[in-house]
Amino acid sequence: MVGWWSATASFDAVIVTADPETIPPQLVKQSRSDGRMVVQVAVYDQYLYVVQKTENGVKRDQQTAVRFVPLLDSGCSSN
């Protein structure tokens, strides 16, 4: 994958320092169970989230308002 680590990677924690429009599914997939990701997700109103992968799915907790630059050519599209 261009722009992402190997599909065999397994992360305990990830910090995304640019603004994707959605939670990057590739990073969720590559997170270990109970792994956490700090990511700002939005198009206009931007909020910082702590995302945790659990055995039951993905838990997303909104933290605070922020302003990040767009994440370009990220391969984050679900299409």
PDB file of N, CA and C in Angstrom:
ATOM      1  N   MET A   1       0.836  -1.184   0.000  1.00  0.00           N
ATOM      2  CA  MET A   1       0.000   0.000   0.000  1.00  0.00           C
ATOM      3  C   MET A   1       0.878   1.243   0.000  1.00  0.00           C
ATOM      4  N   VAL A   2       0.561   2.195  -0.811  1.00  0.00           N
ATOM      5  CA  VAL A   2       1.289   3.446  -0.840  1.00  0.00           C
ATOM      6  C   VAL A   2       0.826   4.315   0.322  1.00  0.00           C
ATOM      7  N   GLY A   3       1.760   4.867   1.081  1.00  0.00           N
ATOM      8  CA  GLY A   3       1.424   5.783   2.152  1.00  0.00           C
ATOM      9  C   GLY A   3       1.074   5.116   3.469  1.00  0.00           C
ATOM     10  N   TRP A   4       1.066   3.801   3.537  1.00  0.00           N
ATOM     11  CA  TRP A   4       0.740   3.089   4.776  1.00  0.00           C
ATOM     12  C   TRP A   4       1.811   2.053   5.030  1.00  0.00           C
ATOM     13  N   TRP A   5       1.918   1.605   6.269  1.00  0.00           N
ATOM     14  CA  TRP A   5       2.849   0.542   6.611  1.00  0.00           C
ATOM     15  C   TRP A   5       2.345  -0.767   6.065  1.00  0.00           C
ATOM     16  N   SER A   6       3.166  -1.753   6.122  1.00  0.00           N
ATOM     17  CA  SER A   6       2.847  -3.086   5.628  1.00  0.00           C
ATOM     18  C   SER A   6       1.542  -3.607   6.233  1.00  0.00           C
ATOM     19  N   ALA A   7       0.812  -4.362   5.447  1.00  0.00           N
ATOM     20  CA  ALA A   7      -0.440  -4.954   5.930  1.00  0.00           C
ATOM     21  C   ALA A   7      -0.203  -5.933   7.070  1.00  0.00           C
ATOM     22  N   THR A   8       1.045  -6.342   7.285  1.00  0.00           N
ATOM     23  CA  THR A   8       1.348  -7.271   8.377  1.00  0.00           C
ATOM     24  C   THR A   8       1.653  -6.537   9.681  1.00  0.00           C
ATOM     25  N   ALA A   9       1.699  -5.196   9.643  1.00  0.00           N
ATOM     26  CA  ALA A   9       1.987  -4.417  10.848  1.00  0.00           C
ATOM     27  C   ALA A   9       0.847  -4.548  11.840  1.00  0.00           C
ATOM     28  N   SER A  10       1.166  -4.432  13.109  1.00  0.00           N
ATOM     29  CA  SER A  10       0.164  -4.474  14.168  1.00  0.00           C
ATOM     30  C   SER A  10       0.535  -3.411  15.191  1.00  0.00           C
ATOM     31  N   PHE A  11      -0.257  -2.330  15.258  1.00  0.00           N
ATOM     32  CA  PHE A  11       0.087  -1.172  16.071  1.00  0.00           C
ATOM     33  C   PHE A  11      -0.629  -1.189  17.412  1.00  0.00           C
ATOM     34  N   ASP A  12       0.095  -0.792  18.464  1.00  0.00           N
ATOM     35  CA  ASP A  12      -0.504  -0.568  19.775  1.00  0.00           C
ATOM     36  C   ASP A  12      -1.160   0.811  19.820  1.00  0.00           C
ATOM     37  N   ALA A  13      -0.528   1.787  19.156  1.00  0.00           N
ATOM     38  CA  ALA A  13      -1.019   3.158  19.165  1.00  0.00           C
ATOM     39  C   ALA A  13      -0.618   3.861  17.873  1.00  0.00           C
ATOM     40  N   VAL A  14      -1.493   4.777  17.428  1.00  0.00           N
ATOM     41  CA  VAL A  14      -1.253   5.554  16.215  1.00  0.00           C
ATOM     42  C   VAL A  14      -1.687   6.989  16.490  1.00  0.00           C
ATOM     43  N   ILE A  15      -0.899   7.964  16.047  1.00  0.00           N
ATOM     44  CA  ILE A  15      -1.288   9.367  16.084  1.00  0.00           C
ATOM     45  C   ILE A  15      -1.312   9.851  14.642  1.00  0.00           C
ATOM     46  N   VAL A  16      -2.464  10.314  14.180  1.00  0.00           N
ATOM     47  CA  VAL A  16      -2.611  10.851  12.822  1.00  0.00           C
ATOM     48  C   VAL A  16      -2.530  12.362  12.941  1.00  0.00           C
ATOM     49  N   THR A  17      -1.545  12.978  12.280  1.00  0.00           N
ATOM     50  CA  THR A  17      -1.289  14.407  12.453  1.00  0.00           C
ATOM     51  C   THR A  17      -1.766  15.252  11.280  1.00  0.00           C
ATOM     52  N   ALA A  18      -2.713  14.736  10.519  1.00  0.00           N
ATOM     53  CA  ALA A  18      -3.378  15.496   9.463  1.00  0.00           C
ATOM     54  C   ALA A  18      -4.843  15.090   9.481  1.00  0.00           C
ATOM     55  N   ASP A  19      -5.670  15.760   8.707  1.00  0.00           N
ATOM     56  CA  ASP A  19      -7.122  15.647   8.786  1.00  0.00           C
ATOM     57  C   ASP A  19      -7.711  14.734   7.722  1.00  0.00           C
ATOM     58  N   PRO A  20      -7.954  13.440   8.017  1.00  0.00           N
ATOM     59  CA  PRO A  20      -8.699  12.616   7.066  1.00  0.00           C
ATOM     60  C   PRO A  20     -10.191  12.910   7.203  1.00  0.00           C
ATOM     61  N   GLU A  21     -10.968  12.673   6.149  1.00  0.00           N
ATOM     62  CA  GLU A  21     -12.412  12.898   6.215  1.00  0.00           C
ATOM     63  C   GLU A  21     -13.120  11.816   7.016  1.00  0.00           C
ATOM     64  N   THR A  22     -12.500  10.639   7.120  1.00  0.00           N
ATOM     65  CA  THR A  22     -13.057   9.531   7.889  1.00  0.00           C
ATOM     66  C   THR A  22     -11.920   8.863   8.668  1.00  0.00           C
ATOM     67  N   ILE A  23     -12.269   8.032   9.627  1.00  0.00           N
ATOM     68  CA  ILE A  23     -11.257   7.261  10.343  1.00  0.00           C
ATOM     69  C   ILE A  23     -10.617   6.314   9.335  1.00  0.00           C
ATOM     70  N   PRO A  24      -9.297   6.355   9.163  1.00  0.00           N
ATOM     71  CA  PRO A  24      -8.642   5.517   8.153  1.00  0.00           C
ATOM     72  C   PRO A  24      -8.840   4.023   8.433  1.00  0.00           C
ATOM     73  N   PRO A  25      -9.645   3.330   7.619  1.00  0.00           N
ATOM     74  CA  PRO A  25      -9.927   1.915   7.881  1.00  0.00           C
ATOM     75  C   PRO A  25      -8.680   1.039   7.858  1.00  0.00           C
ATOM     76  N   GLN A  26      -7.670   1.428   7.056  1.00  0.00           N
ATOM     77  CA  GLN A  26      -6.445   0.639   7.013  1.00  0.00           C
ATOM     78  C   GLN A  26      -5.741   0.660   8.361  1.00  0.00           C
ATOM     79  N   LEU A  27      -5.758   1.813   9.024  1.00  0.00           N
ATOM     80  CA  LEU A  27      -5.097   1.908  10.327  1.00  0.00           C
ATOM     81  C   LEU A  27      -5.872   1.175  11.406  1.00  0.00           C
ATOM     82  N   VAL A  28      -7.194   1.191  11.323  1.00  0.00           N
ATOM     83  CA  VAL A  28      -8.004   0.414  12.268  1.00  0.00           C
ATOM     84  C   VAL A  28      -7.705  -1.067  12.078  1.00  0.00           C
ATOM     85  N   LYS A  29      -7.675  -1.503  10.833  1.00  0.00           N
ATOM     86  CA  LYS A  29      -7.408  -2.914  10.525  1.00  0.00           C
ATOM     87  C   LYS A  29      -6.037  -3.330  11.046  1.00  0.00           C
ATOM     88  N   GLN A  30      -5.051  -2.440  10.960  1.00  0.00           N
ATOM     89  CA  GLN A  30      -3.698  -2.752  11.381  1.00  0.00           C
ATOM     90  C   GLN A  30      -3.462  -2.537  12.869  1.00  0.00           C
ATOM     91  N   SER A  31      -4.474  -2.092  13.613  1.00  0.00           N
ATOM     92  CA  SER A  31      -4.333  -1.907  15.054  1.00  0.00           C
ATOM     93  C   SER A  31      -4.572  -3.219  15.771  1.00  0.00           C
ATOM     94  N   ARG A  32      -3.836  -3.412  16.850  1.00  0.00           N
ATOM     95  CA  ARG A  32      -4.072  -4.579  17.690  1.00  0.00           C
ATOM     96  C   ARG A  32      -5.388  -4.414  18.429  1.00  0.00           C
ATOM     97  N   SER A  33      -5.949  -5.504  18.913  1.00  0.00           N
ATOM     98  CA  SER A  33      -7.121  -5.421  19.761  1.00  0.00           C
ATOM     99  C   SER A  33      -6.763  -4.570  20.972  1.00  0.00           C
ATOM    100  N   ASP A  34      -7.602  -3.629  21.318  1.00  0.00           N
ATOM    101  CA  ASP A  34      -7.384  -2.630  22.366  1.00  0.00           C
ATOM    102  C   ASP A  34      -6.346  -1.583  21.983  1.00  0.00           C
ATOM    103  N   GLY A  35      -5.892  -1.584  20.708  1.00  0.00           N
ATOM    104  CA  GLY A  35      -5.004  -0.534  20.231  1.00  0.00           C
ATOM    105  C   GLY A  35      -5.764   0.781  20.144  1.00  0.00           C
ATOM    106  N   ARG A  36      -5.057   1.894  20.297  1.00  0.00           N
ATOM    107  CA  ARG A  36      -5.694   3.211  20.264  1.00  0.00           C
ATOM    108  C   ARG A  36      -5.101   4.076  19.159  1.00  0.00           C
ATOM    109  N   MET A  37      -5.967   4.953  18.632  1.00  0.00           N
ATOM    110  CA  MET A  37      -5.552   5.897  17.608  1.00  0.00           C
ATOM    111  C   MET A  37      -6.079   7.271  18.011  1.00  0.00           C
ATOM    112  N   VAL A  38      -5.228   8.288  17.933  1.00  0.00           N
ATOM    113  CA  VAL A  38      -5.652   9.669  18.134  1.00  0.00           C
ATOM    114  C   VAL A  38      -5.702  10.287  16.751  1.00  0.00           C
ATOM    115  N   VAL A  39      -6.897  10.776  16.370  1.00  0.00           N
ATOM    116  CA  VAL A  39      -7.104  11.268  15.007  1.00  0.00           C
ATOM    117  C   VAL A  39      -8.156  12.367  15.010  1.00  0.00           C
ATOM    118  N   GLN A  40      -7.962  13.374  14.197  1.00  0.00           N
ATOM    119  CA  GLN A  40      -8.933  14.429  13.978  1.00  0.00           C
ATOM    120  C   GLN A  40      -9.713  14.045  12.735  1.00  0.00           C
ATOM    121  N   VAL A  41     -11.045  14.014  12.833  1.00  0.00           N
ATOM    122  CA  VAL A  41     -11.866  13.567  11.708  1.00  0.00           C
ATOM    123  C   VAL A  41     -12.963  14.588  11.449  1.00  0.00           C
ATOM    124  N   ALA A  42     -12.990  15.136  10.240  1.00  0.00           N
ATOM    125  CA  ALA A  42     -14.074  16.049   9.868  1.00  0.00           C
ATOM    126  C   ALA A  42     -13.775  16.699   8.535  1.00  0.00           C
ATOM    127  N   VAL A  43     -14.793  17.358   8.019  1.00  0.00           N
ATOM    128  CA  VAL A  43     -14.611  18.164   6.821  1.00  0.00           C
ATOM    129  C   VAL A  43     -14.599  19.641   7.216  1.00  0.00           C
ATOM    130  N   TYR A  44     -15.564  20.078   8.043  1.00  0.00           N
ATOM    131  CA  TYR A  44     -15.647  21.482   8.453  1.00  0.00           C
ATOM    132  C   TYR A  44     -15.393  21.635   9.950  1.00  0.00           C
ATOM    133  N   ASP A  45     -16.298  21.156  10.799  1.00  0.00           N
ATOM    134  CA  ASP A  45     -16.110  21.212  12.244  1.00  0.00           C
ATOM    135  C   ASP A  45     -15.173  20.086  12.643  1.00  0.00           C
ATOM    136  N   GLN A  46     -14.005  20.429  13.122  1.00  0.00           N
ATOM    137  CA  GLN A  46     -12.971  19.441  13.397  1.00  0.00           C
ATOM    138  C   GLN A  46     -12.890  19.143  14.889  1.00  0.00           C
ATOM    139  N   TYR A  47     -12.887  17.874  15.218  1.00  0.00           N
ATOM    140  CA  TYR A  47     -12.761  17.428  16.601  1.00  0.00           C
ATOM    141  C   TYR A  47     -11.715  16.321  16.687  1.00  0.00           C
ATOM    142  N   LEU A  48     -11.009  16.297  17.800  1.00  0.00           N
ATOM    143  CA  LEU A  48     -10.035  15.251  18.058  1.00  0.00           C
ATOM    144  C   LEU A  48     -10.760  14.068  18.696  1.00  0.00           C
ATOM    145  N   TYR A  49     -10.461  12.865  18.206  1.00  0.00           N
ATOM    146  CA  TYR A  49     -11.070  11.646  18.726  1.00  0.00           C
ATOM    147  C   TYR A  49      -9.993  10.687  19.205  1.00  0.00           C
ATOM    148  N   VAL A  50     -10.332   9.921  20.227  1.00  0.00           N
ATOM    149  CA  VAL A  50      -9.543   8.757  20.595  1.00  0.00           C
ATOM    150  C   VAL A  50     -10.347   7.560  20.123  1.00  0.00           C
ATOM    151  N   VAL A  51      -9.762   6.783  19.218  1.00  0.00           N
ATOM    152  CA  VAL A  51     -10.426   5.631  18.614  1.00  0.00           C
ATOM    153  C   VAL A  51      -9.766   4.380  19.182  1.00  0.00           C
ATOM    154  N   GLN A  52     -10.583   3.457  19.664  1.00  0.00           N
ATOM    155  CA  GLN A  52     -10.036   2.223  20.224  1.00  0.00           C
ATOM    156  C   GLN A  52     -10.674   1.030  19.531  1.00  0.00           C
ATOM    157  N   LYS A  53      -9.822   0.135  19.042  1.00  0.00           N
ATOM    158  CA  LYS A  53     -10.287  -1.107  18.420  1.00  0.00           C
ATOM    159  C   LYS A  53     -10.561  -2.106  19.540  1.00  0.00           C
ATOM    160  N   THR A  54     -11.766  -2.660  19.569  1.00  0.00           N
ATOM    161  CA  THR A  54     -12.128  -3.647  20.586  1.00  0.00           C
ATOM    162  C   THR A  54     -12.560  -4.930  19.902  1.00  0.00           C
ATOM    163  N   GLU A  55     -12.787  -5.949  20.676  1.00  0.00           N
ATOM    164  CA  GLU A  55     -13.275  -7.211  20.119  1.00  0.00           C
ATOM    165  C   GLU A  55     -14.660  -7.042  19.498  1.00  0.00           C
ATOM    166  N   ASN A  56     -15.419  -6.020  19.948  1.00  0.00           N
ATOM    167  CA  ASN A  56     -16.774  -5.782  19.465  1.00  0.00           C
ATOM    168  C   ASN A  56     -16.857  -4.739  18.362  1.00  0.00           C
ATOM    169  N   GLY A  57     -15.733  -4.198  17.935  1.00  0.00           N
ATOM    170  CA  GLY A  57     -15.751  -3.181  16.885  1.00  0.00           C
ATOM    171  C   GLY A  57     -14.836  -2.026  17.215  1.00  0.00           C
ATOM    172  N   VAL A  58     -15.260  -0.814  16.847  1.00  0.00           N
ATOM    173  CA  VAL A  58     -14.455   0.386  17.038  1.00  0.00           C
ATOM    174  C   VAL A  58     -15.208   1.353  17.939  1.00  0.00           C
ATOM    175  N   LYS A  59     -14.553   1.801  19.001  1.00  0.00           N
ATOM    176  CA  LYS A  59     -15.111   2.781  19.926  1.00  0.00           C
ATOM    177  C   LYS A  59     -14.490   4.130  19.605  1.00  0.00           C
ATOM    178  N   ARG A  60     -15.312   5.186  19.490  1.00  0.00           N
ATOM    179  CA  ARG A  60     -14.827   6.517  19.116  1.00  0.00           C
ATOM    180  C   ARG A  60     -15.299   7.524  20.158  1.00  0.00           C
ATOM    181  N   ASP A  61     -14.350   8.175  20.861  1.00  0.00           N
ATOM    182  CA  ASP A  61     -14.673   9.163  21.891  1.00  0.00           C
ATOM    183  C   ASP A  61     -14.204  10.543  21.454  1.00  0.00           C
ATOM    184  N   GLN A  62     -15.153  11.496  21.314  1.00  0.00           N
ATOM    185  CA  GLN A  62     -14.815  12.869  20.946  1.00  0.00           C
ATOM    186  C   GLN A  62     -14.159  13.569  22.128  1.00  0.00           C
ATOM    187  N   GLN A  63     -13.063  14.311  21.864  1.00  0.00           N
ATOM    188  CA  GLN A  63     -12.312  14.975  22.922  1.00  0.00           C
ATOM    189  C   GLN A  63     -12.470  16.495  22.911  1.00  0.00           C
ATOM    190  N   THR A  64     -11.972  17.174  21.882  1.00  0.00           N
ATOM    191  CA  THR A  64     -11.955  18.634  21.869  1.00  0.00           C
ATOM    192  C   THR A  64     -11.902  19.154  20.434  1.00  0.00           C
ATOM    193  N   ALA A  65     -12.263  20.420  20.249  1.00  0.00           N
ATOM    194  CA  ALA A  65     -12.187  21.050  18.926  1.00  0.00           C
ATOM    195  C   ALA A  65     -10.726  21.330  18.577  1.00  0.00           C
ATOM    196  N   VAL A  66     -10.367  21.109  17.299  1.00  0.00           N
ATOM    197  CA  VAL A  66      -8.999  21.323  16.815  1.00  0.00           C
ATOM    198  C   VAL A  66      -9.047  21.853  15.390  1.00  0.00           C
ATOM    199  N   ARG A  67      -7.877  22.181  14.839  1.00  0.00           N
ATOM    200  CA  ARG A  67      -7.774  22.594  13.443  1.00  0.00           C
ATOM    201  C   ARG A  67      -6.517  21.958  12.860  1.00  0.00           C
ATOM    202  N   PHE A  68      -6.684  21.013  11.951  1.00  0.00           N
ATOM    203  CA  PHE A  68      -5.572  20.311  11.304  1.00  0.00           C
ATOM    204  C   PHE A  68      -5.602  20.592   9.808  1.00  0.00           C
ATOM    205  N   VAL A  69      -4.483  20.371   9.136  1.00  0.00           N
ATOM    206  CA  VAL A  69      -4.427  20.483   7.682  1.00  0.00           C
ATOM    207  C   VAL A  69      -4.990  19.199   7.076  1.00  0.00           C
ATOM    208  N   PRO A  70      -5.519  19.252   5.844  1.00  0.00           N
ATOM    209  CA  PRO A  70      -6.067  18.062   5.209  1.00  0.00           C
ATOM    210  C   PRO A  70      -5.028  16.972   4.982  1.00  0.00           C
ATOM    211  N   LEU A  71      -5.453  15.716   5.080  1.00  0.00           N
ATOM    212  CA  LEU A  71      -4.609  14.586   4.734  1.00  0.00           C
ATOM    213  C   LEU A  71      -4.860  14.296   3.262  1.00  0.00           C
ATOM    214  N   LEU A  72      -3.857  14.559   2.416  1.00  0.00           N
ATOM    215  CA  LEU A  72      -4.009  14.429   0.971  1.00  0.00           C
ATOM    216  C   LEU A  72      -3.459  13.117   0.455  1.00  0.00           C
ATOM    217  N   ASP A  73      -4.092  12.584  -0.613  1.00  0.00           N
ATOM    218  CA  ASP A  73      -3.627  11.375  -1.265  1.00  0.00           C
ATOM    219  C   ASP A  73      -3.358  10.263  -0.255  1.00  0.00           C
ATOM    220  N   SER A  74      -4.325  10.070   0.640  1.00  0.00           N
ATOM    221  CA  SER A  74      -4.106   9.192   1.769  1.00  0.00           C
ATOM    222  C   SER A  74      -4.485   7.746   1.520  1.00  0.00           C
ATOM    223  N   GLY A  75      -5.268   7.485   0.483  1.00  0.00           N
ATOM    224  CA  GLY A  75      -5.749   6.125   0.274  1.00  0.00           C
ATOM    225  C   GLY A  75      -6.782   5.725   1.308  1.00  0.00           C
ATOM    226  N   CYS A  76      -7.420   6.691   1.970  1.00  0.00           N
ATOM    227  CA  CYS A  76      -8.386   6.415   3.032  1.00  0.00           C
ATOM    228  C   CYS A  76      -9.781   6.132   2.502  1.00  0.00           C
ATOM    229  N   SER A  77      -9.988   6.280   1.223  1.00  0.00           N
ATOM    230  CA  SER A  77     -11.314   6.071   0.666  1.00  0.00           C
ATOM    231  C   SER A  77     -11.761   4.640   0.851  1.00  0.00           C
ATOM    232  N   SER A  78     -13.019   4.471   1.182  1.00  0.00           N
ATOM    233  CA  SER A  78     -13.554   3.123   1.361  1.00  0.00           C
ATOM    234  C   SER A  78     -13.983   2.522   0.031  1.00  0.00           C
ATOM    235  N   ASN A  79     -13.833   3.285  -1.058  1.00  0.00           N
ATOM    236  CA  ASN A  79     -14.215   2.787  -2.396  1.00  0.00           C
ATOM    237  C   ASN A  79     -13.160   1.898  -2.963  1.00  0.00           C
TER     238      ASN A  79
END
